[in-house]
Amino acid sequence: MDTESITKYLKQQRILLNIILFFVAGSVFYGLLLRTGLIFPVTAIPEVLCIANCQLEQKIHKPIIGDELLNYDKSIEKLIINPVNKQNISLLIEKSKHRLTIYYELKPIKSYPVVFGANPTGDKRGEGDRKTPEGILKIQDLYPHPQWSKFMWLNYPHPQSWRKHFQAKINGELAWYIPIGGEVGIHGVPAGTDEMIDARKNWTLGCPSLKNKDVDEIYKFVQKGTIVEILP
């Protein structure tokens, strides 16, 4: 192999190496952005950018008229006579009324008092704003919690959340370095502090919170995939 061929070969190898390094560095950088909540997963690109399936959220539940709690003094077992099909259970949370209602086949069954993040007015836009997200969410996991009885983990952020998050940044309402946040779920209260719910004290970082006996009852009737609609 002559000198010119060797030089050409080495140049090609350097270009290939630079391409590999570029993709490796890009992957690492993307992974860091993903972990810190500054960018969404690649799989969510079509929905977040409205390439596909980008319809406005439609309300699912018809709220109860008035501000009262429905059947709060009755157990779910007595309100649903037939064996409960968890697939027919859904939840409606009304922030302004501090009310969470269980629906069965889209019919209201029972309501509970609920409180929210310490800055409850408005939709959640980013980490640290102490707001509770609004819209149509789902339970993605549920498990006992050492401090708050149970935890029903919601799928925030989802594509709709990401669109709201970036729109707030584009509008100058949110700094670009602020991540979207996460770990939002429905849970109880520290033992012996039910009075926070009665007093409507919004104490969490953004999660809906109920009395432990109430969250324990709801926990028995929901599952992964249960719809949770949160209204202002």
Protein backbone atom coordinates (compact mmCIF):
# COMPACT_ATOMS: atom_id res chain seq x y z
CA MET A 1 0.00 0.00 0.00
CA ASP A 2 1.45 3.33 -1.05
CA THR A 3 1.70 6.45 1.14
CA GLU A 4 -1.31 8.13 -0.47
CA SER A 5 -3.52 5.08 0.15
CA ILE A 6 -2.39 4.85 3.76
CA THR A 7 -3.14 8.55 4.32
CA LYS A 8 -6.57 8.18 2.77
CA TYR A 9 -7.29 5.11 4.87
CA LEU A 10 -6.25 6.85 8.11
CA LYS A 11 -8.39 9.86 7.23
CA GLN A 12 -11.41 7.62 6.71
CA GLN A 13 -10.76 5.92 10.06
CA ARG A 14 -10.57 9.29 11.83
CA ILE A 15 -13.88 10.35 10.27
CA LEU A 16 -15.51 7.08 11.34
CA LEU A 17 -14.10 7.44 14.86
CA ASN A 18 -15.39 11.02 15.08
CA ILE A 19 -18.85 9.88 14.00
CA ILE A 20 -18.87 7.15 16.64
CA LEU A 21 -17.70 9.55 19.34
CA PHE A 22 -20.35 12.06 18.29
CA PHE A 23 -23.15 9.52 18.64
CA VAL A 24 -21.78 8.17 21.95
CA ALA A 25 -21.47 11.69 23.39
CA GLY A 26 -24.91 12.58 22.07
CA SER A 27 -26.44 9.48 23.65
CA VAL A 28 -24.83 10.22 27.00
CA PHE A 29 -25.97 13.85 26.88
CA TYR A 30 -29.52 12.82 25.94
CA GLY A 31 -29.53 10.29 28.79
CA LEU A 32 -28.55 13.02 31.26
CA LEU A 33 -31.30 15.33 29.96
CA LEU A 34 -33.81 12.49 30.21
CA ARG A 35 -32.86 11.65 33.79
CA THR A 36 -33.06 15.26 34.91
CA GLY A 37 -36.48 15.77 33.29
CA LEU A 38 -35.40 18.31 30.70
CA ILE A 39 -36.38 16.24 27.67
CA PHE A 40 -39.01 13.61 26.87
CA PRO A 41 -38.42 9.98 25.76
CA VAL A 42 -37.85 9.36 22.05
CA THR A 43 -40.96 7.15 21.98
CA ALA A 44 -43.11 10.16 22.94
CA ILE A 45 -41.91 12.39 20.06
CA PRO A 46 -44.95 11.83 17.76
CA GLU A 47 -47.43 12.77 20.49
CA VAL A 48 -45.44 15.59 22.06
CA LEU A 49 -44.77 17.26 18.71
CA CYS A 50 -48.30 16.58 17.47
CA ILE A 51 -47.07 14.39 14.63
CA ALA A 52 -49.77 11.87 15.47
CA ASN A 53 -52.65 11.44 17.91
CA CYS A 54 -52.59 15.06 19.04
CA GLN A 55 -56.19 15.68 19.94
CA LEU A 56 -57.25 17.97 22.75
CA GLU A 57 -58.16 16.20 25.97
CA GLN A 58 -61.89 15.67 26.35
CA LYS A 59 -63.53 15.62 29.77
CA ILE A 60 -64.58 12.12 30.79
CA HIS A 61 -66.65 12.56 33.94
CA LYS A 62 -69.74 14.61 34.68
CA PRO A 63 -69.06 16.30 38.04
CA ILE A 64 -71.56 16.12 40.88
CA ILE A 65 -73.69 19.24 41.30
CA GLY A 66 -72.87 21.17 44.46
CA ASP A 67 -69.98 20.98 46.89
CA GLU A 68 -71.09 18.11 49.13
CA LEU A 69 -69.37 14.75 49.47
CA LEU A 70 -71.36 11.88 47.99
CA ASN A 71 -72.01 8.85 50.23
CA TYR A 72 -68.96 9.59 52.35
CA ASP A 73 -70.43 7.69 55.31
CA LYS A 74 -70.97 4.49 53.30
CA SER A 75 -68.50 1.81 52.21
CA ILE A 76 -67.83 1.01 48.56
CA GLU A 77 -68.92 -2.59 49.15
CA LYS A 78 -72.40 -1.41 50.10
CA LEU A 79 -72.63 1.05 47.22
CA ILE A 80 -71.69 -1.41 44.46
CA ILE A 81 -73.83 -4.50 44.99
CA ASN A 82 -72.38 -6.71 42.25
CA PRO A 83 -68.76 -7.94 42.28
CA VAL A 84 -66.62 -4.92 41.38
CA ASN A 85 -64.90 -4.94 38.01
CA LYS A 86 -61.84 -2.71 38.51
CA GLN A 87 -61.76 -1.91 34.80
CA ASN A 88 -64.96 0.09 35.29
CA ILE A 89 -63.52 2.21 38.11
CA SER A 90 -62.26 5.74 37.42
CA LEU A 91 -61.52 8.80 39.56
CA LEU A 92 -62.45 12.46 39.24
CA ILE A 93 -60.53 15.03 41.30
CA GLU A 94 -61.92 18.58 41.52
CA LYS A 95 -59.24 20.84 42.94
CA SER A 96 -61.51 23.83 43.55
CA LYS A 97 -63.93 21.67 45.57
CA HIS A 98 -61.27 19.61 47.37
CA ARG A 99 -63.18 16.54 46.26
CA LEU A 100 -62.17 13.15 44.88
CA THR A 101 -65.01 11.01 43.54
CA ILE A 102 -64.95 7.34 42.59
CA TYR A 103 -66.96 6.57 39.45
CA TYR A 104 -68.21 3.14 38.43
CA GLU A 105 -69.17 2.83 34.77
CA LEU A 106 -68.90 6.64 34.70
CA LYS A 107 -71.53 7.01 37.44
CA PRO A 108 -70.49 8.77 40.68
CA ILE A 109 -70.39 6.39 43.64
CA LYS A 110 -68.55 8.01 46.55
CA SER A 111 -66.61 11.20 47.29
CA TYR A 112 -63.70 11.95 49.64
CA PRO A 113 -62.08 15.16 50.89
CA VAL A 114 -58.67 15.76 49.30
CA VAL A 115 -55.91 18.38 49.43
CA PHE A 116 -53.12 19.23 47.02
CA GLY A 117 -49.77 20.90 46.49
CA ALA A 118 -48.99 23.97 48.59
CA ASN A 119 -49.50 26.16 45.49
CA PRO A 120 -52.76 24.60 44.26
CA THR A 121 -54.10 27.12 41.74
CA GLY A 122 -53.20 26.38 38.13
CA ASP A 123 -51.78 23.42 36.25
CA LYS A 124 -48.35 21.97 37.00
CA ARG A 125 -45.69 23.22 34.60
CA GLY A 126 -42.37 22.24 36.15
CA GLU A 127 -40.49 20.82 39.08
CA GLY A 128 -40.71 22.78 42.31
CA ASP A 129 -43.85 24.79 41.47
CA ARG A 130 -45.82 22.86 44.14
CA LYS A 131 -48.82 22.56 41.82
CA THR A 132 -50.96 19.50 41.19
CA PRO A 133 -51.19 18.52 37.50
CA GLU A 134 -54.51 18.75 35.68
CA GLY A 135 -55.94 16.73 32.82
CA ILE A 136 -56.40 13.04 32.06
CA LEU A 137 -53.86 10.82 33.77
CA LYS A 138 -53.62 7.14 34.67
CA ILE A 139 -52.32 5.13 37.59
CA GLN A 140 -49.07 3.57 36.42
CA ASP A 141 -48.21 1.79 39.67
CA LEU A 142 -49.46 1.45 43.24
CA TYR A 143 -47.78 0.26 46.42
CA PRO A 144 -47.72 0.69 50.23
CA HIS A 145 -45.88 3.79 51.47
CA PRO A 146 -43.92 3.90 54.74
CA GLN A 147 -45.08 7.44 55.61
CA TRP A 148 -48.37 8.02 53.78
CA SER A 149 -50.11 4.62 53.93
CA LYS A 150 -50.44 3.99 50.18
CA PHE A 151 -49.11 5.53 46.97
CA MET A 152 -50.96 5.47 43.65
CA TRP A 153 -48.34 6.71 41.20
CA LEU A 154 -49.73 8.76 38.29
CA ASN A 155 -48.22 8.84 34.80
CA TYR A 156 -47.06 12.45 35.05
CA PRO A 157 -45.35 13.60 32.91
CA HIS A 158 -47.11 12.28 29.83
CA PRO A 159 -47.15 13.78 26.28
CA GLN A 160 -49.81 16.37 27.12
CA SER A 161 -47.75 17.43 30.16
CA TRP A 162 -44.65 17.83 28.00
CA ARG A 163 -46.52 20.03 25.52
CA LYS A 164 -47.73 22.29 28.34
CA HIS A 165 -44.23 22.36 29.83
CA PHE A 166 -42.50 23.48 26.63
CA GLN A 167 -45.27 25.93 25.78
CA ALA A 168 -44.71 27.60 29.17
CA LYS A 169 -41.00 27.89 28.35
CA ILE A 170 -41.67 29.29 24.88
CA ASN A 171 -44.07 31.85 26.42
CA GLY A 172 -41.44 32.91 28.92
CA GLU A 173 -43.50 31.61 31.86
CA LEU A 174 -40.87 29.05 32.84
CA ALA A 175 -37.09 29.14 32.75
CA TRP A 176 -35.49 26.72 30.29
CA TYR A 177 -33.30 25.11 32.95
CA ILE A 178 -36.29 23.95 35.05
CA PRO A 179 -37.17 20.25 34.58
CA ILE A 180 -40.72 19.00 34.25
CA GLY A 181 -40.72 17.09 37.54
CA GLY A 182 -42.38 13.79 38.38
CA GLU A 183 -43.23 11.29 41.12
CA VAL A 184 -46.79 12.61 41.43
CA GLY A 185 -49.26 10.26 43.07
CA ILE A 186 -52.33 9.97 45.28
CA HIS A 187 -51.39 9.18 48.87
CA GLY A 188 -52.33 9.54 52.53
CA VAL A 189 -50.93 11.69 55.33
CA PRO A 190 -48.42 11.13 58.13
CA ALA A 191 -50.06 9.14 60.93
CA GLY A 192 -52.26 11.24 63.18
CA THR A 193 -52.56 14.23 60.85
CA ASP A 194 -56.01 13.71 59.32
CA GLU A 195 -56.92 17.20 60.52
CA MET A 196 -54.90 18.61 57.59
CA ILE A 197 -57.50 17.14 55.25
CA ASP A 198 -60.43 18.47 57.27
CA ALA A 199 -58.81 21.93 57.35
CA ARG A 200 -58.10 21.77 53.58
CA LYS A 201 -54.43 22.41 54.22
CA ASN A 202 -52.58 22.00 50.92
CA TRP A 203 -49.29 20.59 52.19
CA THR A 204 -47.74 18.37 49.52
CA LEU A 205 -45.22 19.10 46.75
CA GLY A 206 -47.99 18.51 44.20
CA CYS A 207 -49.61 15.18 45.04
CA PRO A 208 -53.31 14.77 45.91
CA SER A 209 -53.52 13.67 49.56
CA LEU A 210 -56.37 12.04 51.50
CA LYS A 211 -56.98 10.66 54.98
CA ASN A 212 -55.27 7.29 55.37
CA LYS A 213 -58.54 5.38 55.86
CA ASP A 214 -59.84 6.90 52.63
CA VAL A 215 -56.75 6.20 50.56
CA ASP A 216 -56.78 2.64 51.94
CA GLU A 217 -60.34 2.11 50.70
CA ILE A 218 -59.69 3.60 47.24
CA TYR A 219 -56.51 1.53 46.93
CA LYS A 220 -58.55 -1.71 47.00
CA PHE A 221 -60.60 -0.75 43.96
CA VAL A 222 -58.07 0.73 41.53
CA GLN A 223 -55.35 -0.85 39.41
CA LYS A 224 -52.64 0.01 36.92
CA GLY A 225 -54.35 1.86 34.09
CA THR A 226 -57.18 3.35 36.17
CA ILE A 227 -58.10 6.77 34.73
CA VAL A 228 -57.69 9.80 37.01
CA GLU A 229 -59.20 13.02 35.68
CA ILE A 230 -58.05 16.16 37.51
CA LEU A 231 -60.03 19.39 37.04
CA PRO A 232 -59.08 22.90 38.22
